Amino acid sequence: MDNEAVDVVAVGGDPFLGGKDFDDAIMNFIEDEMRGQYDLHLETDLSLEAELRLKAEAAKRQLTGRSAVPITFKAKRPIDDIQYSQDPLVPVRIDLTREKFEQITSDLLTRSEILLENVLEQSSFGWSDIDQVLCVGGSSRMPMVREMLTRISGKKPLLHDPDECVAKGAAVQAALLSGEGALEEIHVTHVLAHSLGVAVLGNGKPMVDHVIPCLTPLPCSQTRDGYTTTLDDQRSVQIRVYEGESTDLEAYSNGPLGVFHLEVDPPRPKGQPQVSVEFRCDENGRITALARDNDTGRESRTVISLSGQRDRQEMQHEEEMMSVAVVS
């Protein structure tokens, strides 16, 4: 990073390490305390659950500056509790200390630390090569997060409007794209966050074959030859595009990024058609996936957002397309 350019060298992430996941840990703690202290069950009261989610988030924020926070609310008694039919609400108070909060979220913090170390290893840098640790997002305000960052990096983390910096950065980027003369041009070079691949049959088992590895600088393109059909007289092959590092299809619970088909007429014996797959990734986060029958020159392609969004039609027909033979 210098005055005119920002080069991204490594990225990493976990969709289950957000603020909501810390809120969920507090919710689980509240449920356990309700059962243990009051013999009450949250799942019977959906409106109370919604209220407690707000209180859990508020408690998390308050614990940034306080050592303990009381969580108070009224819960409904069980319907069959006739003894208290005239007074159906139970006043509940649950005290959450910062120490307890850090205990019930220790697994989240550990996963965060492991993720950081993995990203650093991918970049081929050590902490001594890092000048500053800049925090983004409201969860970085939590004392345990700052303490963890200081411990592993040896540097005091910086917080410059962590709740707003993403929005401000987007505003700066929009101004640059619109040609705002008051801003100096800044060039940002990105890398591919996750590997891109296609579903294939390997040794008779469905798997993901990676075509472009993660951390490849953008823009980029890569072609993989050697694919073919799996059935005799097969007229079409299905190309399913996946984003991730695993070769195991079952690891992709959200399914493929995109699905399209390539016609392979005229029909030929299995293994005879020569099919290639090409990925082209631009700097704006769009992927063009192209499949080509090298014997006939016939091509098919689709354009995919790196965010992984699929249109409604693709989602509705995914079951049907999953049953069509894939390449091998």
Protein backbone atom coordinates (compact mmCIF):
# COMPACT_ATOMS: atom_id res chain seq x y z
CA MET A 1 0.00 0.00 0.00
CA ASP A 2 1.40 3.37 -1.02
CA ASN A 3 0.04 6.77 -1.95
CA GLU A 4 -1.29 5.66 -5.34
CA ALA A 5 -2.01 1.94 -5.14
CA VAL A 6 -3.39 -0.76 -2.88
CA ASP A 7 -2.47 -4.35 -3.74
CA VAL A 8 -4.44 -7.14 -2.07
CA VAL A 9 -2.11 -10.10 -1.49
CA ALA A 10 -4.34 -12.48 0.51
CA VAL A 11 -7.93 -12.72 1.68
CA GLY A 12 -9.89 -15.04 3.94
CA GLY A 13 -13.24 -15.27 5.63
CA ASP A 14 -15.82 -17.29 7.49
CA PRO A 15 -19.56 -16.64 7.03
CA PHE A 16 -20.20 -17.80 10.60
CA LEU A 17 -17.97 -15.33 12.42
CA GLY A 18 -20.16 -12.26 12.24
CA GLY A 19 -21.80 -10.19 14.96
CA LYS A 20 -24.91 -12.36 14.79
CA ASP A 21 -22.91 -15.42 15.77
CA PHE A 22 -21.82 -13.67 18.97
CA ASP A 23 -25.48 -12.72 19.55
CA ASP A 24 -26.47 -16.37 19.08
CA ALA A 25 -24.02 -17.40 21.80
CA ILE A 26 -25.72 -14.98 24.20
CA MET A 27 -29.13 -16.32 23.15
CA ASN A 28 -28.01 -19.88 23.97
CA PHE A 29 -26.75 -18.68 27.36
CA ILE A 30 -30.11 -17.00 28.09
CA GLU A 31 -32.00 -20.18 27.15
CA ASP A 32 -29.80 -22.28 29.42
CA GLU A 33 -30.32 -19.86 32.32
CA MET A 34 -34.10 -19.78 31.75
CA ARG A 35 -34.28 -23.56 31.95
CA GLY A 36 -31.92 -23.84 34.91
CA GLN A 37 -33.19 -20.97 37.07
CA TYR A 38 -36.85 -20.65 36.06
CA ASP A 39 -37.80 -23.92 34.33
CA LEU A 40 -38.94 -21.94 31.29
CA HIS A 41 -38.48 -22.73 27.61
CA LEU A 42 -37.93 -20.06 25.01
CA GLU A 43 -39.13 -22.04 22.00
CA THR A 44 -42.74 -21.68 23.14
CA ASP A 45 -42.70 -17.88 22.79
CA LEU A 46 -41.63 -16.49 19.41
CA SER A 47 -42.35 -12.87 20.33
CA LEU A 48 -40.09 -13.17 23.38
CA GLU A 49 -37.36 -14.68 21.22
CA ALA A 50 -37.47 -11.61 18.95
CA GLU A 51 -37.27 -9.33 22.00
CA LEU A 52 -34.33 -11.26 23.45
CA ARG A 53 -32.37 -11.04 20.20
CA LEU A 54 -32.46 -7.26 20.54
CA LYS A 55 -31.47 -7.49 24.20
CA ALA A 56 -28.64 -9.92 23.38
CA GLU A 57 -27.15 -7.50 20.85
CA ALA A 58 -27.54 -4.60 23.28
CA ALA A 59 -25.82 -6.57 26.05
CA LYS A 60 -22.93 -7.41 23.73
CA ARG A 61 -22.43 -3.74 22.95
CA GLN A 62 -22.69 -2.68 26.60
CA LEU A 63 -20.08 -5.23 27.68
CA THR A 64 -17.52 -3.31 25.63
CA GLY A 65 -17.46 -0.70 28.37
CA ARG A 66 -18.90 -2.57 31.34
CA SER A 67 -17.93 -5.68 33.28
CA ALA A 68 -21.51 -6.97 33.71
CA VAL A 69 -24.95 -6.36 32.20
CA PRO A 70 -28.39 -7.43 33.54
CA ILE A 71 -30.82 -8.84 30.97
CA THR A 72 -34.40 -8.43 32.20
CA PHE A 73 -37.67 -9.49 30.59
CA LYS A 74 -40.97 -11.23 31.29
CA ALA A 75 -41.57 -14.76 30.06
CA LYS A 76 -44.82 -16.68 29.78
CA ARG A 77 -45.43 -19.58 32.11
CA PRO A 78 -46.32 -22.95 30.55
CA ILE A 79 -49.97 -23.09 29.48
CA ASP A 80 -50.63 -26.17 31.62
CA ASP A 81 -49.33 -24.44 34.76
CA ILE A 82 -52.83 -23.95 36.28
CA GLN A 83 -51.42 -22.80 39.63
CA TYR A 84 -50.33 -19.50 38.10
CA SER A 85 -53.12 -19.00 35.57
CA GLN A 86 -53.94 -15.59 37.09
CA ASP A 87 -50.35 -14.38 36.71
CA PRO A 88 -49.04 -15.87 33.42
CA LEU A 89 -45.87 -13.74 33.21
CA VAL A 90 -42.65 -14.46 35.08
CA PRO A 91 -40.16 -11.60 35.69
CA VAL A 92 -36.72 -12.87 34.72
CA ARG A 93 -33.29 -11.36 35.36
CA ILE A 94 -30.14 -12.92 33.96
CA ASP A 95 -26.77 -11.37 34.67
CA LEU A 96 -24.14 -11.63 31.93
CA THR A 97 -20.57 -10.74 32.85
CA ARG A 98 -17.84 -9.93 30.37
CA GLU A 99 -15.92 -12.93 31.65
CA LYS A 100 -18.89 -15.24 30.94
CA PHE A 101 -19.44 -13.65 27.53
CA GLU A 102 -15.81 -14.30 26.60
CA GLN A 103 -16.14 -17.86 27.83
CA ILE A 104 -19.24 -18.69 25.76
CA THR A 105 -17.73 -17.13 22.63
CA SER A 106 -14.19 -18.48 23.05
CA ASP A 107 -14.66 -20.84 20.10
CA LEU A 108 -15.53 -17.90 17.83
CA LEU A 109 -12.44 -16.01 18.93
CA THR A 110 -10.24 -19.08 18.42
CA ARG A 111 -11.59 -19.56 14.89
CA SER A 112 -10.92 -15.88 14.19
CA GLU A 113 -7.32 -16.27 15.32
CA ILE A 114 -6.80 -19.39 13.20
CA LEU A 115 -8.29 -17.59 10.20
CA LEU A 116 -5.90 -14.67 10.66
CA GLU A 117 -2.89 -16.96 10.87
CA ASN A 118 -3.99 -18.83 7.74
CA VAL A 119 -4.35 -15.61 5.76
CA LEU A 120 -0.95 -14.45 6.92
CA GLU A 121 0.58 -17.78 5.87
CA GLN A 122 -1.04 -17.51 2.43
CA SER A 123 0.47 -14.06 1.99
CA SER A 124 3.98 -15.36 2.83
CA PHE A 125 4.28 -12.52 5.34
CA GLY A 126 5.04 -12.62 9.04
CA TRP A 127 3.64 -10.28 11.68
CA SER A 128 6.95 -8.42 11.59
CA ASP A 129 6.16 -7.49 7.98
CA ILE A 130 2.84 -5.89 8.96
CA ASP A 131 3.00 -2.19 9.80
CA GLN A 132 -0.53 -1.73 11.14
CA VAL A 133 -3.55 -3.85 12.00
CA LEU A 134 -6.69 -2.01 10.93
CA CYS A 135 -10.03 -3.23 12.30
CA VAL A 136 -13.29 -3.16 10.37
CA GLY A 137 -16.75 -3.88 11.76
CA GLY A 138 -18.43 -3.25 15.09
CA SER A 139 -17.35 -6.58 16.58
CA SER A 140 -13.75 -5.34 16.59
CA ARG A 141 -14.74 -3.03 19.45
CA MET A 142 -14.98 -6.01 21.80
CA PRO A 143 -12.04 -5.95 24.26
CA MET A 144 -11.27 -9.65 23.74
CA VAL A 145 -10.87 -9.09 19.99
CA ARG A 146 -8.43 -6.23 20.49
CA GLU A 147 -6.54 -8.24 23.14
CA MET A 148 -6.25 -11.23 20.79
CA LEU A 149 -4.98 -9.03 17.95
CA THR A 150 -2.40 -7.38 20.21
CA ARG A 151 -1.24 -10.75 21.53
CA ILE A 152 -0.68 -12.44 18.16
CA SER A 153 0.56 -9.41 16.21
CA GLY A 154 2.50 -7.52 18.88
CA LYS A 155 0.79 -4.36 17.65
CA LYS A 156 -2.08 -2.29 19.03
CA PRO A 157 -4.98 -2.59 16.54
CA LEU A 158 -6.36 0.59 15.00
CA LEU A 159 -10.06 1.45 15.03
CA HIS A 160 -10.99 4.23 12.61
CA ASP A 161 -14.81 4.33 12.56
CA PRO A 162 -15.11 0.52 12.28
CA ASP A 163 -18.91 0.77 12.00
CA GLU A 164 -18.78 3.23 9.11
CA CYS A 165 -15.49 2.64 7.29
CA VAL A 166 -16.96 0.20 4.76
CA ALA A 167 -19.65 2.69 3.78
CA LYS A 168 -17.06 5.47 3.57
CA GLY A 169 -14.81 3.31 1.43
CA ALA A 170 -17.71 2.56 -0.90
CA ALA A 171 -18.39 6.29 -1.17
CA VAL A 172 -14.76 6.97 -2.09
CA GLN A 173 -14.84 4.19 -4.68
CA ALA A 174 -18.06 5.57 -6.18
CA ALA A 175 -16.52 9.03 -6.37
CA LEU A 176 -13.46 7.64 -8.14
CA LEU A 177 -15.62 5.77 -10.65
CA SER A 178 -17.64 8.91 -11.35
CA GLY A 179 -14.48 10.90 -12.06
CA GLU A 180 -14.68 13.18 -9.04
CA GLY A 181 -11.80 15.60 -9.56
CA ALA A 182 -11.33 16.37 -5.88
CA LEU A 183 -9.99 12.85 -5.22
CA GLU A 184 -6.63 11.53 -6.25
CA GLU A 185 -6.80 8.37 -8.32
CA ILE A 186 -6.09 5.20 -6.32
CA HIS A 187 -5.52 1.90 -8.08
CA VAL A 188 -6.66 -1.21 -6.20
CA THR A 189 -5.50 -4.66 -7.30
CA HIS A 190 -7.64 -7.54 -6.04
CA VAL A 191 -7.10 -11.27 -5.85
CA LEU A 192 -9.50 -14.15 -6.30
CA ALA A 193 -10.89 -14.87 -2.83
CA HIS A 194 -11.70 -18.55 -3.49
CA SER A 195 -10.68 -21.15 -6.03
CA LEU A 196 -12.98 -21.68 -9.00
CA GLY A 197 -13.72 -25.14 -10.34
CA VAL A 198 -16.23 -27.43 -12.01
CA ALA A 199 -17.99 -30.61 -10.92
CA VAL A 200 -16.52 -33.72 -12.56
CA LEU A 201 -16.49 -37.48 -12.12
CA GLY A 202 -13.12 -38.58 -10.78
CA ASN A 203 -12.65 -42.34 -10.42
CA GLY A 204 -16.41 -42.71 -10.62
CA LYS A 205 -17.04 -40.25 -7.78
CA PRO A 206 -18.40 -36.69 -8.14
CA MET A 207 -15.82 -34.09 -7.11
CA VAL A 208 -14.74 -30.49 -7.79
CA ASP A 209 -11.77 -29.94 -10.09
CA HIS A 210 -10.21 -26.52 -9.46
CA VAL A 211 -9.36 -24.52 -12.58
CA ILE A 212 -8.14 -21.25 -11.03
CA PRO A 213 -6.58 -21.29 -7.53
CA CYS A 214 -7.44 -18.75 -4.87
CA LEU A 215 -5.30 -15.62 -4.49
CA THR A 216 -4.76 -15.38 -8.25
CA PRO A 217 -4.44 -11.64 -9.09
CA LEU A 218 -7.40 -10.14 -10.97
CA PRO A 219 -8.12 -9.88 -13.85
CA CYS A 220 -7.23 -13.43 -14.81
CA SER A 221 -8.20 -16.25 -17.14
CA GLN A 222 -7.41 -19.95 -17.19
CA THR A 223 -8.39 -22.86 -19.45
CA ARG A 224 -8.44 -26.51 -18.43
CA ASP A 225 -8.49 -29.19 -21.16
CA GLY A 226 -9.05 -32.91 -20.91
CA TYR A 227 -12.72 -33.11 -19.93
CA THR A 228 -15.02 -35.51 -21.74
CA THR A 229 -18.43 -37.24 -21.62
CA THR A 230 -19.46 -40.01 -19.22
CA LEU A 231 -22.14 -41.74 -21.36
CA ASP A 232 -22.26 -43.16 -24.86
CA ASP A 233 -24.07 -40.94 -27.38
CA GLN A 234 -24.35 -38.17 -24.82
CA ARG A 235 -25.74 -35.03 -26.49
CA SER A 236 -25.20 -32.56 -23.65
CA VAL A 237 -22.86 -32.08 -20.71
CA GLN A 238 -23.67 -30.09 -17.63
CA ILE A 239 -21.13 -27.55 -16.33
CA ARG A 240 -21.56 -26.79 -12.63
CA VAL A 241 -19.31 -23.99 -11.34
CA TYR A 242 -18.14 -24.05 -7.71
CA GLU A 243 -16.31 -21.51 -5.54
CA GLY A 244 -14.23 -22.91 -2.68
CA GLU A 245 -11.19 -24.94 -1.71
CA SER A 246 -12.63 -28.41 -1.12
CA THR A 247 -12.74 -31.12 -3.79
CA ASP A 248 -15.66 -32.79 -1.96
CA LEU A 249 -19.02 -31.81 -3.46
CA GLU A 250 -20.75 -32.36 -0.12
CA ALA A 251 -18.74 -29.47 1.34
CA TYR A 252 -20.69 -27.02 -0.85
CA SER A 253 -23.96 -26.84 1.07
CA ASN A 254 -25.11 -23.78 -0.92
CA GLY A 255 -24.69 -25.59 -4.21
CA PRO A 256 -22.95 -24.30 -7.33
CA LEU A 257 -22.44 -20.67 -8.27
CA GLY A 258 -23.91 -21.35 -11.68
CA VAL A 259 -24.99 -24.15 -13.99
CA PHE A 260 -25.07 -24.26 -17.79
CA HIS A 261 -25.00 -26.85 -20.59
CA LEU A 262 -22.87 -27.56 -23.63
CA GLU A 263 -24.29 -29.44 -26.62
CA VAL A 264 -21.90 -32.15 -27.86
CA ASP A 265 -23.49 -33.11 -31.18
CA PRO A 266 -22.89 -35.26 -33.09
CA PRO A 267 -23.22 -38.06 -30.52
CA ARG A 268 -20.00 -39.98 -29.90
CA PRO A 269 -18.86 -42.83 -27.62
CA LYS A 270 -18.15 -41.82 -24.04
CA GLY A 271 -14.67 -40.44 -23.48
CA GLN A 272 -14.25 -39.40 -27.10
CA PRO A 273 -15.44 -35.73 -27.11
CA GLN A 274 -12.71 -33.32 -26.02
CA VAL A 275 -14.18 -30.61 -23.79
CA SER A 276 -12.36 -27.63 -22.28
CA VAL A 277 -13.52 -25.20 -19.61
CA GLU A 278 -12.32 -21.62 -19.36
CA PHE A 279 -12.81 -19.07 -16.57
CA ARG A 280 -12.34 -15.35 -17.10
CA CYS A 281 -12.49 -13.13 -14.01
CA ASP A 282 -12.47 -9.35 -14.31
CA GLU A 283 -11.63 -6.66 -11.76
CA ASN A 284 -15.32 -5.91 -11.17
CA GLY A 285 -16.04 -9.29 -9.61
CA ARG A 286 -17.67 -11.02 -12.57
CA ILE A 287 -16.84 -14.49 -13.84
CA THR A 288 -17.37 -15.66 -17.40
CA ALA A 289 -17.42 -19.46 -17.51
CA LEU A 290 -17.05 -20.96 -20.98
CA ALA A 291 -17.18 -24.58 -22.13
CA ARG A 292 -16.01 -25.66 -25.56
CA ASP A 293 -16.30 -28.85 -27.59
CA ASN A 294 -12.83 -28.82 -29.13
CA ASP A 295 -13.84 -31.30 -31.85
CA THR A 296 -16.67 -29.18 -33.27
CA GLY A 297 -15.82 -25.72 -31.95
CA ARG A 298 -19.28 -25.38 -30.35
CA GLU A 299 -19.27 -23.20 -27.22
CA SER A 300 -21.56 -22.33 -24.32
CA ARG A 301 -21.04 -19.79 -21.58
CA THR A 302 -22.56 -18.08 -18.56
CA VAL A 303 -21.72 -14.95 -16.57
CA ILE A 304 -21.66 -15.22 -12.76
CA SER A 305 -21.25 -12.69 -9.98
CA LEU A 306 -18.43 -13.43 -7.52
CA SER A 307 -21.00 -12.90 -4.75
CA GLY A 308 -22.48 -16.24 -5.71
CA GLN A 309 -25.96 -14.98 -6.58
CA ARG A 310 -28.07 -17.11 -8.86
CA ASP A 311 -31.26 -16.07 -10.58
CA ARG A 312 -34.63 -17.56 -9.65
CA GLN A 313 -34.84 -19.74 -12.75
CA GLU A 314 -31.49 -21.39 -11.99
CA MET A 315 -32.59 -22.16 -8.44
CA GLN A 316 -35.96 -23.60 -9.56
CA HIS A 317 -34.37 -25.95 -12.07
CA GLU A 318 -31.31 -26.96 -10.06
CA GLU A 319 -32.78 -30.32 -9.04
CA GLU A 320 -33.49 -31.18 -12.64
CA MET A 321 -30.04 -30.13 -13.79
CA MET A 322 -28.32 -32.10 -11.02
CA SER A 323 -29.63 -35.30 -12.65
CA VAL A 324 -27.95 -34.57 -16.00
CA ALA A 325 -24.60 -36.22 -16.65
CA VAL A 326 -21.54 -34.13 -15.81
CA VAL A 327 -18.12 -34.10 -17.43
CA SER A 328 -15.32 -36.33 -16.22
